Structures are given as C-alpha cells and as structure tokens.
Amino acid sequence: MTQRVSVNEAAGSRRTSRVCVAVRLRPYMDKQDDKGEGPCVRDLGPQKLEIINWRNATETLQYQFDVFYGEETTQQVVFLTSVKPILLHILNGQNASVFAYGPTGAGKTHTMLGGQ
C-alpha cells in the first residue's frame, strides 16, 4: 500500500496518513437543553476537545483528532482546510472520500449545509 499526504500538508505539517479525522463541534442550542445543564463538550484547541462525563459531572474525558473545529468555525473554513486539499488528489486520479458521521442531532447536516 502506498501512503498519501494527509490534509495536514495544507496546515504545514508533512506527515503521511491514509485517514484524517476532522471533528466539528455543532453550535450549542439552548432549546435542546431541557435540564439547563449547559454544553457538555468544550473546545481545548485546534486538535483537542473535552467531554463532561454524564455519569459524573466532575470528571471529563479528553480526545485528540487530526483537526478539531470549534462551534464558531464557518462552512468556508471547514471546506478550505479539510475538503479542498482532498479534491486535488481526486483530480490526480486517486480515490478519496469525505463523509459526515454521528448520531441524530450531532450536527452532520449543519456541517454539510450550514445554518441557513
């Protein structure tokens, strides 16, 4: 198997990878918070997020990804940094896929279509 240059090449990092995991935090919506608990996910930087353990609110779990987009990130930024670099590979005859994955209400449609 041959390695492909990852999307991170656009960000200045030159590592090779076959998969790049980019996570986008959907904007928090008060109307979906019946108990008034507030957001359970926190942005910790360009590659990290923190999730509050729903069983124990004093405990948090941290996760790291290739790219993390906070809730203020625009569609344009997501496209330019995570999708457009992959298009160049397709134009060179390579296979590539971009897909949104997650449970209902996680923000897949928001990521693909925006808030309009």
PDB file of N, CA and C in Angstrom:
ATOM      1  N   MET A   1       0.833  -1.186   0.000  1.00  0.00           N
ATOM      2  CA  MET A   1       0.000   0.000   0.000  1.00  0.00           C
ATOM      3  C   MET A   1       0.873   1.243   0.000  1.00  0.00           C
ATOM      4  N   THR A   2       0.454   2.210  -0.768  1.00  0.00           N
ATOM      5  CA  THR A   2       1.191   3.468  -0.782  1.00  0.00           C
ATOM      6  C   THR A   2       0.559   4.452   0.187  1.00  0.00           C
ATOM      7  N   GLN A   3       1.377   5.302   0.721  1.00  0.00           N
ATOM      8  CA  GLN A   3       0.892   6.331   1.646  1.00  0.00           C
ATOM      9  C   GLN A   3       0.515   7.574   0.853  1.00  0.00           C
ATOM     10  N   ARG A   4      -0.425   8.304   1.344  1.00  0.00           N
ATOM     11  CA  ARG A   4      -0.848   9.559   0.738  1.00  0.00           C
ATOM     12  C   ARG A   4      -0.505  10.699   1.701  1.00  0.00           C
ATOM     13  N   VAL A   5      -0.248  11.862   1.153  1.00  0.00           N
ATOM     14  CA  VAL A   5      -0.006  13.023   2.002  1.00  0.00           C
ATOM     15  C   VAL A   5      -1.339  13.421   2.612  1.00  0.00           C
ATOM     16  N   SER A   6      -1.361  13.601   3.910  1.00  0.00           N
ATOM     17  CA  SER A   6      -2.614  13.916   4.600  1.00  0.00           C
ATOM     18  C   SER A   6      -3.016  15.366   4.389  1.00  0.00           C
ATOM     19  N   VAL A   7      -4.248  15.670   4.778  1.00  0.00           N
ATOM     20  CA  VAL A   7      -4.784  17.027   4.688  1.00  0.00           C
ATOM     21  C   VAL A   7      -3.911  18.003   5.462  1.00  0.00           C
ATOM     22  N   ASN A   8      -3.216  17.523   6.476  1.00  0.00           N
ATOM     23  CA  ASN A   8      -2.395  18.404   7.305  1.00  0.00           C
ATOM     24  C   ASN A   8      -1.265  19.075   6.528  1.00  0.00           C
ATOM     25  N   GLU A   9      -0.999  18.603   5.305  1.00  0.00           N
ATOM     26  CA  GLU A   9       0.019  19.253   4.486  1.00  0.00           C
ATOM     27  C   GLU A   9      -0.352  20.717   4.250  1.00  0.00           C
ATOM     28  N   ALA A  10      -1.645  20.988   4.094  1.00  0.00           N
ATOM     29  CA  ALA A  10      -2.100  22.362   3.882  1.00  0.00           C
ATOM     30  C   ALA A  10      -1.825  23.231   5.104  1.00  0.00           C
ATOM     31  N   ALA A  11      -1.801  22.622   6.274  1.00  0.00           N
ATOM     32  CA  ALA A  11      -1.560  23.367   7.510  1.00  0.00           C
ATOM     33  C   ALA A  11      -0.072  23.442   7.849  1.00  0.00           C
ATOM     34  N   GLY A  12       0.792  22.908   6.968  1.00  0.00           N
ATOM     35  CA  GLY A  12       2.222  22.993   7.184  1.00  0.00           C
ATOM     36  C   GLY A  12       2.858  21.737   7.748  1.00  0.00           C
ATOM     37  N   SER A  13       2.073  20.765   8.167  1.00  0.00           N
ATOM     38  CA  SER A  13       2.599  19.517   8.709  1.00  0.00           C
ATOM     39  C   SER A  13       2.765  18.532   7.562  1.00  0.00           C
ATOM     40  N   ARG A  14       3.906  17.881   7.461  1.00  0.00           N
ATOM     41  CA  ARG A  14       4.164  16.982   6.344  1.00  0.00           C
ATOM     42  C   ARG A  14       4.209  15.525   6.777  1.00  0.00           C
ATOM     43  N   ARG A  15       3.212  15.034   7.428  1.00  0.00           N
ATOM     44  CA  ARG A  15       3.186  13.626   7.788  1.00  0.00           C
ATOM     45  C   ARG A  15       2.304  12.881   6.795  1.00  0.00           C
ATOM     46  N   THR A  16       2.522  11.592   6.655  1.00  0.00           N
ATOM     47  CA  THR A  16       1.709  10.818   5.724  1.00  0.00           C
ATOM     48  C   THR A  16       0.687   9.996   6.487  1.00  0.00           C
ATOM     49  N   SER A  17      -0.474   9.858   5.873  1.00  0.00           N
ATOM     50  CA  SER A  17      -1.560   9.125   6.511  1.00  0.00           C
ATOM     51  C   SER A  17      -2.584   8.765   5.458  1.00  0.00           C
ATOM     52  N   ARG A  18      -3.324   7.704   5.701  1.00  0.00           N
ATOM     53  CA  ARG A  18      -4.382   7.321   4.775  1.00  0.00           C
ATOM     54  C   ARG A  18      -5.729   7.879   5.230  1.00  0.00           C
ATOM     55  N   VAL A  19      -5.834   8.257   6.487  1.00  0.00           N
ATOM     56  CA  VAL A  19      -7.099   8.763   7.026  1.00  0.00           C
ATOM     57  C   VAL A  19      -6.822  10.013   7.860  1.00  0.00           C
ATOM     58  N   CYS A  20      -7.676  10.996   7.706  1.00  0.00           N
ATOM     59  CA  CYS A  20      -7.614  12.200   8.535  1.00  0.00           C
ATOM     60  C   CYS A  20      -8.968  12.348   9.213  1.00  0.00           C
ATOM     61  N   VAL A  21      -8.978  12.441  10.522  1.00  0.00           N
ATOM     62  CA  VAL A  21     -10.227  12.591  11.268  1.00  0.00           C
ATOM     63  C   VAL A  21     -10.368  14.049  11.695  1.00  0.00           C
ATOM     64  N   ALA A  22     -11.403  14.685  11.154  1.00  0.00           N
ATOM     65  CA  ALA A  22     -11.706  16.076  11.495  1.00  0.00           C
ATOM     66  C   ALA A  22     -13.041  16.092  12.229  1.00  0.00           C
ATOM     67  N   VAL A  23     -13.090  16.763  13.359  1.00  0.00           N
ATOM     68  CA  VAL A  23     -14.305  16.822  14.176  1.00  0.00           C
ATOM     69  C   VAL A  23     -14.768  18.271  14.251  1.00  0.00           C
ATOM     70  N   ARG A  24     -16.073  18.454  14.088  1.00  0.00           N
ATOM     71  CA  ARG A  24     -16.640  19.800  14.198  1.00  0.00           C
ATOM     72  C   ARG A  24     -17.669  19.821  15.314  1.00  0.00           C
ATOM     73  N   LEU A  25     -17.534  20.780  16.203  1.00  0.00           N
ATOM     74  CA  LEU A  25     -18.472  20.945  17.310  1.00  0.00           C
ATOM     75  C   LEU A  25     -19.664  21.766  16.833  1.00  0.00           C
ATOM     76  N   ARG A  26     -20.833  21.168  16.887  1.00  0.00           N
ATOM     77  CA  ARG A  26     -22.057  21.854  16.475  1.00  0.00           C
ATOM     78  C   ARG A  26     -22.339  22.990  17.449  1.00  0.00           C
ATOM     79  N   PRO A  27     -22.821  24.125  16.952  1.00  0.00           N
ATOM     80  CA  PRO A  27     -23.167  25.218  17.873  1.00  0.00           C
ATOM     81  C   PRO A  27     -24.174  24.753  18.925  1.00  0.00           C
ATOM     82  N   TYR A  28     -23.974  25.179  20.155  1.00  0.00           N
ATOM     83  CA  TYR A  28     -24.854  24.813  21.265  1.00  0.00           C
ATOM     84  C   TYR A  28     -26.211  25.476  21.089  1.00  0.00           C
ATOM     85  N   MET A  29     -27.268  24.710  21.317  1.00  0.00           N
ATOM     86  CA  MET A  29     -28.625  25.241  21.179  1.00  0.00           C
ATOM     87  C   MET A  29     -29.359  25.100  22.506  1.00  0.00           C
ATOM     88  N   ASP A  30     -29.665  26.242  23.140  1.00  0.00           N
ATOM     89  CA  ASP A  30     -30.364  26.250  24.433  1.00  0.00           C
ATOM     90  C   ASP A  30     -31.669  25.473  24.399  1.00  0.00           C
ATOM     91  N   LYS A  31     -32.388  25.541  23.284  1.00  0.00           N
ATOM     92  CA  LYS A  31     -33.711  24.906  23.211  1.00  0.00           C
ATOM     93  C   LYS A  31     -33.646  23.385  23.326  1.00  0.00           C
ATOM     94  N   GLN A  32     -32.470  22.784  23.119  1.00  0.00           N
ATOM     95  CA  GLN A  32     -32.340  21.337  23.248  1.00  0.00           C
ATOM     96  C   GLN A  32     -31.856  20.916  24.633  1.00  0.00           C
ATOM     97  N   ASP A  33     -31.660  21.869  25.521  1.00  0.00           N
ATOM     98  CA  ASP A  33     -31.156  21.586  26.861  1.00  0.00           C
ATOM     99  C   ASP A  33     -32.305  21.670  27.864  1.00  0.00           C
ATOM    100  N   ASP A  34     -33.094  20.591  27.968  1.00  0.00           N
ATOM    101  CA  ASP A  34     -34.271  20.549  28.847  1.00  0.00           C
ATOM    102  C   ASP A  34     -33.925  20.756  30.319  1.00  0.00           C
ATOM    103  N   LYS A  35     -32.774  20.244  30.754  1.00  0.00           N
ATOM    104  CA  LYS A  35     -32.404  20.295  32.169  1.00  0.00           C
ATOM    105  C   LYS A  35     -31.565  21.523  32.529  1.00  0.00           C
ATOM    106  N   GLY A  36     -31.228  22.340  31.546  1.00  0.00           N
ATOM    107  CA  GLY A  36     -30.428  23.538  31.810  1.00  0.00           C
ATOM    108  C   GLY A  36     -29.010  23.229  32.254  1.00  0.00           C
ATOM    109  N   GLU A  37     -28.445  22.144  31.749  1.00  0.00           N
ATOM    110  CA  GLU A  37     -27.107  21.720  32.170  1.00  0.00           C
ATOM    111  C   GLU A  37     -25.980  22.422  31.426  1.00  0.00           C
ATOM    112  N   GLY A  38     -26.263  23.044  30.302  1.00  0.00           N
ATOM    113  CA  GLY A  38     -25.227  23.699  29.516  1.00  0.00           C
ATOM    114  C   GLY A  38     -24.501  22.713  28.616  1.00  0.00           C
ATOM    115  N   PRO A  39     -23.539  23.216  27.847  1.00  0.00           N
ATOM    116  CA  PRO A  39     -22.814  22.350  26.913  1.00  0.00           C
ATOM    117  C   PRO A  39     -22.001  21.279  27.640  1.00  0.00           C
ATOM    118  N   CYS A  40     -21.908  20.104  27.042  1.00  0.00           N
ATOM    119  CA  CYS A  40     -21.135  19.013  27.649  1.00  0.00           C
ATOM    120  C   CYS A  40     -19.807  18.803  26.932  1.00  0.00           C
ATOM    121  N   VAL A  41     -19.542  19.598  25.883  1.00  0.00           N
ATOM    122  CA  VAL A  41     -18.292  19.491  25.134  1.00  0.00           C
ATOM    123  C   VAL A  41     -17.605  20.846  25.157  1.00  0.00           C
ATOM    124  N   ARG A  42     -16.280  20.811  25.362  1.00  0.00           N
ATOM    125  CA  ARG A  42     -15.501  22.048  25.424  1.00  0.00           C
ATOM    126  C   ARG A  42     -14.346  21.989  24.437  1.00  0.00           C
ATOM    127  N   ASP A  43     -14.107  23.087  23.767  1.00  0.00           N
ATOM    128  CA  ASP A  43     -13.011  23.245  22.812  1.00  0.00           C
ATOM    129  C   ASP A  43     -11.713  23.464  23.589  1.00  0.00           C
ATOM    130  N   LEU A  44     -10.709  22.613  23.343  1.00  0.00           N
ATOM    131  CA  LEU A  44      -9.418  22.767  24.022  1.00  0.00           C
ATOM    132  C   LEU A  44      -8.297  23.166  23.066  1.00  0.00           C
ATOM    133  N   GLY A  45      -8.633  23.522  21.844  1.00  0.00           N
ATOM    134  CA  GLY A  45      -7.607  23.923  20.887  1.00  0.00           C
ATOM    135  C   GLY A  45      -7.838  23.313  19.522  1.00  0.00           C
ATOM    136  N   PRO A  46      -6.867  23.474  18.617  1.00  0.00           N
ATOM    137  CA  PRO A  46      -7.068  23.056  17.229  1.00  0.00           C
ATOM    138  C   PRO A  46      -7.167  21.544  17.009  1.00  0.00           C
ATOM    139  N   GLN A  47      -6.804  20.740  17.995  1.00  0.00           N
ATOM    140  CA  GLN A  47      -6.877  19.292  17.822  1.00  0.00           C
ATOM    141  C   GLN A  47      -7.516  18.563  19.001  1.00  0.00           C
ATOM    142  N   LYS A  48      -7.994  19.280  20.005  1.00  0.00           N
ATOM    143  CA  LYS A  48      -8.495  18.626  21.219  1.00  0.00           C
ATOM    144  C   LYS A  48      -9.870  19.116  21.626  1.00  0.00           C
ATOM    145  N   LEU A  49     -10.615  18.190  22.224  1.00  0.00           N
ATOM    146  CA  LEU A  49     -11.877  18.559  22.850  1.00  0.00           C
ATOM    147  C   LEU A  49     -12.009  17.801  24.156  1.00  0.00           C
ATOM    148  N   GLU A  50     -12.890  18.288  24.999  1.00  0.00           N
ATOM    149  CA  GLU A  50     -13.124  17.690  26.310  1.00  0.00           C
ATOM    150  C   GLU A  50     -14.624  17.463  26.457  1.00  0.00           C
ATOM    151  N   ILE A  51     -14.991  16.274  26.925  1.00  0.00           N
ATOM    152  CA  ILE A  51     -16.395  15.925  27.127  1.00  0.00           C
ATOM    153  C   ILE A  51     -16.623  15.665  28.608  1.00  0.00           C
ATOM    154  N   ILE A  52     -17.689  16.257  29.141  1.00  0.00           N
ATOM    155  CA  ILE A  52     -18.052  16.020  30.542  1.00  0.00           C
ATOM    156  C   ILE A  52     -18.717  14.656  30.643  1.00  0.00           C
ATOM    157  N   ASN A  53     -18.269  13.851  31.576  1.00  0.00           N
ATOM    158  CA  ASN A  53     -18.852  12.529  31.803  1.00  0.00           C
ATOM    159  C   ASN A  53     -20.269  12.711  32.343  1.00  0.00           C
ATOM    160  N   TRP A  54     -21.270  12.221  31.629  1.00  0.00           N
ATOM    161  CA  TRP A  54     -22.658  12.430  32.042  1.00  0.00           C
ATOM    162  C   TRP A  54     -23.001  11.687  33.327  1.00  0.00           C
ATOM    163  N   ARG A  55     -22.205  10.700  33.702  1.00  0.00           N
ATOM    164  CA  ARG A  55     -22.449   9.979  34.958  1.00  0.00           C
ATOM    165  C   ARG A  55     -21.850  10.702  36.156  1.00  0.00           C
ATOM    166  N   ASN A  56     -20.788  11.481  35.896  1.00  0.00           N
ATOM    167  CA  ASN A  56     -20.083  12.187  36.962  1.00  0.00           C
ATOM    168  C   ASN A  56     -19.596  13.522  36.398  1.00  0.00           C
ATOM    169  N   ALA A  57     -20.330  14.584  36.643  1.00  0.00           N
ATOM    170  CA  ALA A  57     -20.049  15.891  36.039  1.00  0.00           C
ATOM    171  C   ALA A  57     -18.700  16.482  36.443  1.00  0.00           C
ATOM    172  N   THR A  58     -18.055  15.933  37.475  1.00  0.00           N
ATOM    173  CA  THR A  58     -16.741  16.444  37.866  1.00  0.00           C
ATOM    174  C   THR A  58     -15.624  15.768  37.076  1.00  0.00           C
ATOM    175  N   GLU A  59     -15.961  14.761  36.309  1.00  0.00           N
ATOM    176  CA  GLU A  59     -14.972  14.026  35.521  1.00  0.00           C
ATOM    177  C   GLU A  59     -15.102  14.403  34.048  1.00  0.00           C
ATOM    178  N   THR A  60     -13.980  14.615  33.387  1.00  0.00           N
ATOM    179  CA  THR A  60     -14.004  14.921  31.959  1.00  0.00           C
ATOM    180  C   THR A  60     -13.129  13.932  31.201  1.00  0.00           C
ATOM    181  N   LEU A  61     -13.442  13.779  29.938  1.00  0.00           N
ATOM    182  CA  LEU A  61     -12.677  12.914  29.047  1.00  0.00           C
ATOM    183  C   LEU A  61     -12.135  13.782  27.922  1.00  0.00           C
ATOM    184  N   GLN A  62     -10.831  13.655  27.625  1.00  0.00           N
ATOM    185  CA  GLN A  62     -10.229  14.454  26.568  1.00  0.00           C
ATOM    186  C   GLN A  62      -9.915  13.569  25.370  1.00  0.00           C
ATOM    187  N   TYR A  63     -10.142  14.128  24.182  1.00  0.00           N
ATOM    188  CA  TYR A  63      -9.889  13.411  22.940  1.00  0.00           C
ATOM    189  C   TYR A  63      -9.085  14.297  22.006  1.00  0.00           C
ATOM    190  N   GLN A  64      -8.226  13.670  21.216  1.00  0.00           N
ATOM    191  CA  GLN A  64      -7.413  14.409  20.258  1.00  0.00           C
ATOM    192  C   GLN A  64      -7.680  13.864  18.859  1.00  0.00           C
ATOM    193  N   PHE A  65      -7.752  14.757  17.880  1.00  0.00           N
ATOM    194  CA  PHE A  65      -8.039  14.408  16.497  1.00  0.00           C
ATOM    195  C   PHE A  65      -7.036  15.105  15.590  1.00  0.00           C
ATOM    196  N   ASP A  66      -7.041  14.754  14.311  1.00  0.00           N
ATOM    197  CA  ASP A  66      -6.158  15.435  13.364  1.00  0.00           C
ATOM    198  C   ASP A  66      -6.531  16.912  13.254  1.00  0.00           C
ATOM    199  N   VAL A  67      -7.833  17.177  13.231  1.00  0.00           N
ATOM    200  CA  VAL A  67      -8.337  18.551  13.138  1.00  0.00           C
ATOM    201  C   VAL A  67      -9.580  18.656  14.007  1.00  0.00           C
ATOM    202  N   PHE A  68      -9.694  19.742  14.755  1.00  0.00           N
ATOM    203  CA  PHE A  68     -10.907  19.993  15.534  1.00  0.00           C
ATOM    204  C   PHE A  68     -11.396  21.395  15.218  1.00  0.00           C
ATOM    205  N   TYR A  69     -12.664  21.498  14.835  1.00  0.00           N
ATOM    206  CA  TYR A  69     -13.283  22.787  14.537  1.00  0.00           C
ATOM    207  C   TYR A  69     -14.258  23.134  15.651  1.00  0.00           C
ATOM    208  N   GLY A  70     -14.091  24.283  16.259  1.00  0.00           N
ATOM    209  CA  GLY A  70     -14.997  24.741  17.305  1.00  0.00           C
ATOM    210  C   GLY A  70     -16.328  25.198  16.727  1.00  0.00           C
ATOM    211  N   GLU A  71     -17.264  25.527  17.602  1.00  0.00           N
ATOM    212  CA  GLU A  71     -18.616  25.860  17.151  1.00  0.00           C
ATOM    213  C   GLU A  71     -18.702  27.169  16.374  1.00  0.00           C
ATOM    214  N   GLU A  72     -17.683  28.003  16.428  1.00  0.00           N
ATOM    215  CA  GLU A  72     -17.686  29.263  15.673  1.00  0.00           C
ATOM    216  C   GLU A  72     -17.105  29.107  14.272  1.00  0.00           C
ATOM    217  N   THR A  73     -16.610  27.931  13.933  1.00  0.00           N
ATOM    218  CA  THR A  73     -15.985  27.696  12.633  1.00  0.00           C
ATOM    219  C   THR A  73     -17.020  27.785  11.510  1.00  0.00           C
ATOM    220  N   THR A  74     -16.654  28.447  10.428  1.00  0.00           N
ATOM    221  CA  THR A  74     -17.572  28.612   9.295  1.00  0.00           C
ATOM    222  C   THR A  74     -17.482  27.431   8.328  1.00  0.00           C
ATOM    223  N   GLN A  75     -18.507  27.318   7.469  1.00  0.00           N
ATOM    224  CA  GLN A  75     -18.501  26.291   6.421  1.00  0.00           C
ATOM    225  C   GLN A  75     -17.278  26.484   5.531  1.00  0.00           C
ATOM    226  N   GLN A  76     -16.952  27.735   5.226  1.00  0.00           N
ATOM    227  CA  GLN A  76     -15.839  28.026   4.338  1.00  0.00           C
ATOM    228  C   GLN A  76     -14.520  27.504   4.906  1.00  0.00           C
ATOM    229  N   VAL A  77     -14.292  27.699   6.191  1.00  0.00           N
ATOM    230  CA  VAL A  77     -13.054  27.217   6.812  1.00  0.00           C
ATOM    231  C   VAL A  77     -12.988  25.691   6.761  1.00  0.00           C
ATOM    232  N   VAL A  78     -14.087  25.019   7.077  1.00  0.00           N
ATOM    233  CA  VAL A  78     -14.112  23.551   7.020  1.00  0.00           C
ATOM    234  C   VAL A  78     -13.800  23.090   5.601  1.00  0.00           C
ATOM    235  N   PHE A  79     -14.441  23.689   4.611  1.00  0.00           N
ATOM    236  CA  PHE A  79     -14.212  23.301   3.221  1.00  0.00           C
ATOM    237  C   PHE A  79     -12.763  23.542   2.809  1.00  0.00           C
ATOM    238  N   LEU A  80     -12.262  24.750   3.057  1.00  0.00           N
ATOM    239  CA  LEU A  80     -10.918  25.103   2.594  1.00  0.00           C
ATOM    240  C   LEU A  80      -9.823  24.278   3.250  1.00  0.00           C
ATOM    241  N   THR A  81     -10.008  23.890   4.507  1.00  0.00           N
ATOM    242  CA  THR A  81      -8.938  23.179   5.215  1.00  0.00           C
ATOM    243  C   THR A  81      -9.078  21.662   5.221  1.00  0.00           C
ATOM    244  N   SER A  82     -10.292  21.127   5.088  1.00  0.00           N
ATOM    245  CA  SER A  82     -10.452  19.672   5.162  1.00  0.00           C
ATOM    246  C   SER A  82     -10.964  19.023   3.884  1.00  0.00           C
ATOM    247  N   VAL A  83     -11.604  19.779   3.015  1.00  0.00           N
ATOM    248  CA  VAL A  83     -12.167  19.181   1.798  1.00  0.00           C
ATOM    249  C   VAL A  83     -11.369  19.562   0.556  1.00  0.00           C
ATOM    250  N   LYS A  84     -11.098  20.818   0.377  1.00  0.00           N
ATOM    251  CA  LYS A  84     -10.414  21.274  -0.836  1.00  0.00           C
ATOM    252  C   LYS A  84      -9.083  20.550  -1.086  1.00  0.00           C
ATOM    253  N   PRO A  85      -8.229  20.335  -0.075  1.00  0.00           N
ATOM    254  CA  PRO A  85      -6.975  19.615  -0.335  1.00  0.00           C
ATOM    255  C   PRO A  85      -7.196  18.198  -0.872  1.00  0.00           C
ATOM    256  N   ILE A  86      -8.298  17.576  -0.505  1.00  0.00           N
ATOM    257  CA  ILE A  86      -8.595  16.225  -0.981  1.00  0.00           C
ATOM    258  C   ILE A  86      -9.003  16.262  -2.451  1.00  0.00           C
ATOM    259  N   LEU A  87      -9.640  17.336  -2.881  1.00  0.00           N
ATOM    260  CA  LEU A  87     -10.066  17.459  -4.275  1.00  0.00           C
ATOM    261  C   LEU A  87      -8.885  17.365  -5.231  1.00  0.00           C
ATOM    262  N   LEU A  88      -7.740  17.876  -4.835  1.00  0.00           N
ATOM    263  CA  LEU A  88      -6.546  17.801  -5.678  1.00  0.00           C
ATOM    264  C   LEU A  88      -6.147  16.353  -5.934  1.00  0.00           C
ATOM    265  N   HIS A  89      -6.301  15.486  -4.939  1.00  0.00           N
ATOM    266  CA  HIS A  89      -5.994  14.067  -5.116  1.00  0.00           C
ATOM    267  C   HIS A  89      -6.962  13.428  -6.100  1.00  0.00           C
ATOM    268  N   ILE A  90      -8.239  13.787  -6.023  1.00  0.00           N
ATOM    269  CA  ILE A  90      -9.239  13.251  -6.948  1.00  0.00           C
ATOM    270  C   ILE A  90      -8.898  13.666  -8.379  1.00  0.00           C
ATOM    271  N   LEU A  91      -8.512  14.915  -8.570  1.00  0.00           N
ATOM    272  CA  LEU A  91      -8.155  15.400  -9.904  1.00  0.00           C
ATOM    273  C   LEU A  91      -6.912  14.708 -10.451  1.00  0.00           C
ATOM    274  N   ASN A  92      -6.101  14.139  -9.574  1.00  0.00           N
ATOM    275  CA  ASN A  92      -4.921  13.375  -9.993  1.00  0.00           C
ATOM    276  C   ASN A  92      -5.231  11.894 -10.171  1.00  0.00           C
ATOM    277  N   GLY A  93      -6.511  11.524 -10.117  1.00  0.00           N
ATOM    278  CA  GLY A  93      -6.914  10.144 -10.365  1.00  0.00           C
ATOM    279  C   GLY A  93      -6.916   9.241  -9.148  1.00  0.00           C
ATOM    280  N   GLN A  94      -6.735   9.788  -7.970  1.00  0.00           N
ATOM    281  CA  GLN A  94      -6.753   8.979  -6.755  1.00  0.00           C
ATOM    282  C   GLN A  94      -8.165   8.935  -6.181  1.00  0.00           C
ATOM    283  N   ASN A  95      -8.445   7.899  -5.415  1.00  0.00           N
ATOM    284  CA  ASN A  95      -9.734   7.795  -4.734  1.00  0.00           C
ATOM    285  C   ASN A  95      -9.706   8.618  -3.454  1.00  0.00           C
ATOM    286  N   ALA A  96     -10.838   9.200  -3.114  1.00  0.00           N
ATOM    287  CA  ALA A  96     -10.945   9.966  -1.872  1.00  0.00           C
ATOM    288  C   ALA A  96     -12.401  10.012  -1.442  1.00  0.00           C
ATOM    289  N   SER A  97     -12.624  10.114  -0.145  1.00  0.00           N
ATOM    290  CA  SER A  97     -13.979  10.212   0.400  1.00  0.00           C
ATOM    291  C   SER A  97     -14.006  11.247   1.510  1.00  0.00           C
ATOM    292  N   VAL A  98     -15.127  11.936   1.599  1.00  0.00           N
ATOM    293  CA  VAL A  98     -15.402  12.847   2.707  1.00  0.00           C
ATOM    294  C   VAL A  98     -16.808  12.512   3.153  1.00  0.00           C
ATOM    295  N   PHE A  99     -16.984  12.217   4.432  1.00  0.00           N
ATOM    296  CA  PHE A  99     -18.339  11.931   4.900  1.00  0.00           C
ATOM    297  C   PHE A  99     -18.538  12.455   6.305  1.00  0.00           C
ATOM    298  N   ALA A 100     -19.798  12.697   6.627  1.00  0.00           N
ATOM    299  CA  ALA A 100     -20.186  13.156   7.960  1.00  0.00           C
ATOM    300  C   ALA A 100     -20.807  11.975   8.691  1.00  0.00           C
ATOM    301  N   TYR A 101     -20.382  11.764   9.935  1.00  0.00           N
ATOM    302  CA  TYR A 101     -20.831  10.618  10.710  1.00  0.00           C
ATOM    303  C   TYR A 101     -21.175  11.070  12.118  1.00  0.00           C
ATOM    304  N   GLY A 102     -22.226  10.508  12.675  1.00  0.00           N
ATOM    305  CA  GLY A 102     -22.584  10.813  14.053  1.00  0.00           C
ATOM    306  C   GLY A 102     -24.048  10.542  14.319  1.00  0.00           C
ATOM    307  N   PRO A 103     -24.443  10.576  15.589  1.00  0.00           N
ATOM    308  CA  PRO A 103     -25.843  10.308  15.944  1.00  0.00           C
ATOM    309  C   PRO A 103     -26.757  11.465  15.537  1.00  0.00           C
ATOM    310  N   THR A 104     -28.042  11.212  15.579  1.00  0.00           N
ATOM    311  CA  THR A 104     -29.039  12.237  15.285  1.00  0.00           C
ATOM    312  C   THR A 104     -28.817  13.453  16.186  1.00  0.00           C
ATOM    313  N   GLY A 105     -28.815  14.618  15.580  1.00  0.00           N
ATOM    314  CA  GLY A 105     -28.638  15.856  16.336  1.00  0.00           C
ATOM    315  C   GLY A 105     -27.191  16.250  16.574  1.00  0.00           C
ATOM    316  N   ALA A 106     -26.234  15.476  16.043  1.00  0.00           N
ATOM    317  CA  ALA A 106     -24.823  15.766  16.290  1.00  0.00           C
ATOM    318  C   ALA A 106     -24.282  16.911  15.439  1.00  0.00           C
ATOM    319  N   GLY A 107     -24.965  17.246  14.339  1.00  0.00           N
ATOM    320  CA  GLY A 107     -24.517  18.365  13.516  1.00  0.00           C
ATOM    321  C   GLY A 107     -24.053  17.997  12.118  1.00  0.00           C
ATOM    322  N   LYS A 108     -24.389  16.803  11.638  1.00  0.00           N
ATOM    323  CA  LYS A 108     -23.967  16.399  10.293  1.00  0.00           C
ATOM    324  C   LYS A 108     -24.529  17.335   9.224  1.00  0.00           C
ATOM    325  N   THR A 109     -25.821  17.588   9.275  1.00  0.00           N
ATOM    326  CA  THR A 109     -26.459  18.466   8.293  1.00  0.00           C
ATOM    327  C   THR A 109     -25.912  19.882   8.418  1.00  0.00           C
ATOM    328  N   HIS A 110     -25.703  20.352   9.616  1.00  0.00           N
ATOM    329  CA  HIS A 110     -25.128  21.686   9.826  1.00  0.00           C
ATOM    330  C   HIS A 110     -23.745  21.773   9.178  1.00  0.00           C
ATOM    331  N   THR A 111     -22.939  20.730   9.321  1.00  0.00           N
ATOM    332  CA  THR A 111     -21.599  20.735   8.748  1.00  0.00           C
ATOM    333  C   THR A 111     -21.645  20.724   7.226  1.00  0.00           C
ATOM    334  N   MET A 112     -22.555  19.961   6.651  1.00  0.00           N
ATOM    335  CA  MET A 112     -22.626  19.853   5.195  1.00  0.00           C
ATOM    336  C   MET A 112     -23.341  21.043   4.542  1.00  0.00           C
ATOM    337  N   LEU A 113     -24.372  21.581   5.193  1.00  0.00           N
ATOM    338  CA  LEU A 113     -25.202  22.608   4.561  1.00  0.00           C
ATOM    339  C   LEU A 113     -25.164  23.970   5.240  1.00  0.00           C
ATOM    340  N   GLY A 114     -24.717  24.036   6.473  1.00  0.00           N
ATOM    341  CA  GLY A 114     -24.680  25.305   7.190  1.00  0.00           C
ATOM    342  C   GLY A 114     -25.957  25.570   7.957  1.00  0.00           C
ATOM    343  N   GLY A 115     -26.050  26.749   8.523  1.00  0.00           N
ATOM    344  CA  GLY A 115     -27.171  27.086   9.391  1.00  0.00           C
ATOM    345  C   GLY A 115     -28.354  27.746   8.706  1.00  0.00           C
ATOM    346  N   GLN A 116     -28.290  27.949   7.390  1.00  0.00           N
ATOM    347  CA  GLN A 116     -29.387  28.626   6.694  1.00  0.00           C
ATOM    348  C   GLN A 116     -30.581  27.724   6.522  1.00  0.00           C
TER     349      GLN A 116
END
